[in-house]
Amino acid sequence: MKKQAKPPSQRQLQAGELIRRALVDIMAREDFRDPVLQGISITISEVRAAPDLRTARVFAAPLGGQNTPQVVEALNRCAKFFRGKLGHELKMRSTPALRFEIDTTFDTASEMSALLARPEIARDLGSKDSNQK
């Protein structure tokens, strides 16, 4: 039988949000040497901290969704730079190692919107609403 993953603790959630906000501030202030990252706005939607807070998964995507794999690869190349900057900004015992991953939530949301807009789904949702009134 597979183990069920435990939900993140309050400490992990707070650390993830602190890291996310600090990374957003750093990205807004800094100029990047990497040509892939120059002139690109990056959205960081979520940071998931490990239970021991030594590592963090950062879900990022470029605004507009252009060249997403290349941008995330460039962010991973700059992960040590971000970790160093985070160390100066955060009041944590140790700064977590960062691993950037492609954020797919926007794709999922647009797929759900397209699915809900289909005529047969809209019809079923409409009949359900009229029965509840």
Protein backbone atom coordinates (compact mmCIF):
# COMPACT_ATOMS: atom_id res chain seq x y z
CA MET A 1 0.00 0.00 0.00
CA LYS A 2 1.26 3.51 -0.85
CA LYS A 3 1.91 6.02 1.89
CA GLN A 4 -0.22 9.10 1.80
CA ALA A 5 1.79 12.32 1.69
CA LYS A 6 1.37 14.45 4.78
CA PRO A 7 0.08 17.95 4.21
CA PRO A 8 2.60 20.72 4.80
CA SER A 9 2.90 22.03 8.34
CA GLN A 10 2.12 25.61 9.28
CA ARG A 11 5.88 26.22 9.59
CA GLN A 12 6.48 24.95 6.03
CA LEU A 13 3.67 27.11 4.65
CA GLN A 14 4.97 30.23 6.40
CA ALA A 15 8.55 29.59 5.27
CA GLY A 16 7.38 28.99 1.70
CA GLU A 17 5.46 32.26 1.61
CA LEU A 18 8.40 34.20 3.09
CA ILE A 19 10.72 32.74 0.47
CA ARG A 20 8.24 33.46 -2.34
CA ARG A 21 7.87 37.12 -1.34
CA ALA A 22 11.63 37.58 -0.94
CA LEU A 23 12.30 36.00 -4.36
CA VAL A 24 9.74 38.27 -6.01
CA ASP A 25 11.46 41.30 -4.46
CA ILE A 26 14.90 40.07 -5.53
CA MET A 27 13.77 39.42 -9.10
CA ALA A 28 12.21 42.88 -9.31
CA ARG A 29 15.42 44.59 -8.14
CA GLU A 30 18.20 42.59 -9.76
CA ASP A 31 19.55 42.68 -13.29
CA PHE A 32 20.45 39.22 -14.55
CA ARG A 33 23.57 38.35 -16.51
CA ASP A 34 21.96 35.29 -18.04
CA PRO A 35 20.67 36.34 -21.49
CA VAL A 36 17.61 34.09 -21.16
CA LEU A 37 16.45 36.00 -18.07
CA GLN A 38 17.15 39.52 -19.31
CA GLY A 39 14.01 41.56 -19.86
CA ILE A 40 11.63 38.79 -18.79
CA SER A 41 9.00 39.07 -16.07
CA ILE A 42 8.75 35.89 -14.04
CA THR A 43 5.77 34.78 -11.99
CA ILE A 44 6.45 32.77 -8.85
CA SER A 45 3.19 31.19 -7.83
CA GLU A 46 4.27 28.93 -4.98
CA VAL A 47 7.23 27.80 -2.93
CA ARG A 48 7.04 24.43 -1.18
CA ALA A 49 9.52 24.07 1.63
CA ALA A 50 10.72 20.62 2.73
CA PRO A 51 9.85 19.57 6.30
CA ASP A 52 13.44 20.27 7.45
CA LEU A 53 13.46 23.61 5.53
CA ARG A 54 16.76 22.73 3.85
CA THR A 55 15.32 22.66 0.34
CA ALA A 56 12.50 24.47 -1.39
CA ARG A 57 10.72 23.81 -4.68
CA VAL A 58 9.93 27.07 -6.47
CA PHE A 59 7.16 26.98 -9.07
CA ALA A 60 7.87 29.66 -11.66
CA ALA A 61 6.83 30.61 -15.17
CA PRO A 62 7.61 33.55 -17.44
CA LEU A 63 4.79 36.01 -17.95
CA GLY A 64 3.14 35.10 -21.22
CA GLY A 65 4.43 31.52 -21.12
CA GLN A 66 7.14 32.02 -23.76
CA ASN A 67 10.24 29.75 -23.58
CA THR A 68 9.19 28.30 -20.22
CA PRO A 69 11.64 25.35 -20.14
CA GLN A 70 14.58 27.57 -21.05
CA VAL A 71 13.62 30.17 -18.42
CA VAL A 72 13.26 27.56 -15.66
CA GLU A 73 16.60 26.02 -16.68
CA ALA A 74 18.21 29.49 -16.45
CA LEU A 75 16.63 30.04 -13.03
CA ASN A 76 18.14 26.75 -11.85
CA ARG A 77 21.54 27.94 -13.10
CA CYS A 78 21.09 31.08 -10.97
CA ALA A 79 19.77 29.19 -7.92
CA LYS A 80 22.96 29.76 -5.89
CA PHE A 81 22.77 33.49 -6.61
CA PHE A 82 19.16 33.57 -5.37
CA ARG A 83 20.08 31.54 -2.30
CA GLY A 84 22.81 34.02 -1.43
CA LYS A 85 20.46 36.97 -1.81
CA LEU A 86 17.81 35.17 0.27
CA GLY A 87 20.37 34.64 3.04
CA HIS A 88 20.69 38.42 3.39
CA GLU A 89 16.93 39.03 3.34
CA LEU A 90 15.49 36.24 5.50
CA LYS A 91 15.83 35.70 9.21
CA MET A 92 16.12 31.92 9.01
CA ARG A 93 18.66 29.65 10.67
CA SER A 94 19.75 28.36 7.27
CA THR A 95 18.79 29.37 3.77
CA PRO A 96 17.20 26.55 1.79
CA ALA A 97 18.62 25.27 -1.48
CA LEU A 98 16.28 26.24 -4.30
CA ARG A 99 15.04 24.06 -7.13
CA PHE A 100 12.96 25.81 -9.77
CA GLU A 101 10.19 23.90 -11.54
CA ILE A 102 7.74 24.77 -14.29
CA ASP A 103 4.46 26.10 -12.93
CA THR A 104 1.57 24.40 -14.70
CA THR A 105 -1.30 25.91 -12.70
CA PHE A 106 -2.10 28.48 -15.40
CA ASP A 107 -2.29 25.73 -18.03
CA THR A 108 -4.53 23.65 -15.78
CA ALA A 109 -6.80 26.63 -15.13
CA SER A 110 -7.20 27.38 -18.84
CA GLU A 111 -7.93 23.71 -19.55
CA MET A 112 -10.61 23.73 -16.85
CA SER A 113 -12.13 26.92 -18.26
CA ALA A 114 -12.23 25.39 -21.74
CA LEU A 115 -13.78 22.21 -20.36
CA LEU A 116 -16.47 24.12 -18.45
CA ALA A 117 -17.25 26.19 -21.56
CA ARG A 118 -18.12 23.09 -23.61
CA PRO A 119 -21.84 23.07 -24.51
CA GLU A 120 -22.61 19.65 -23.00
CA ILE A 121 -20.91 20.56 -19.72
CA ALA A 122 -22.60 23.98 -19.57
CA ARG A 123 -25.95 22.29 -20.25
CA ASP A 124 -25.41 19.83 -17.40
CA LEU A 125 -24.31 22.57 -15.03
CA GLY A 126 -27.32 24.69 -16.00
CA SER A 127 -29.81 21.89 -15.31
CA LYS A 128 -28.22 21.22 -11.94
CA ASP A 129 -28.59 24.88 -10.95
CA SER A 130 -32.26 25.00 -12.01
CA ASN A 131 -33.06 21.88 -9.89
CA GLN A 132 -31.58 23.46 -6.77
CA LYS A 133 -33.78 26.60 -6.91
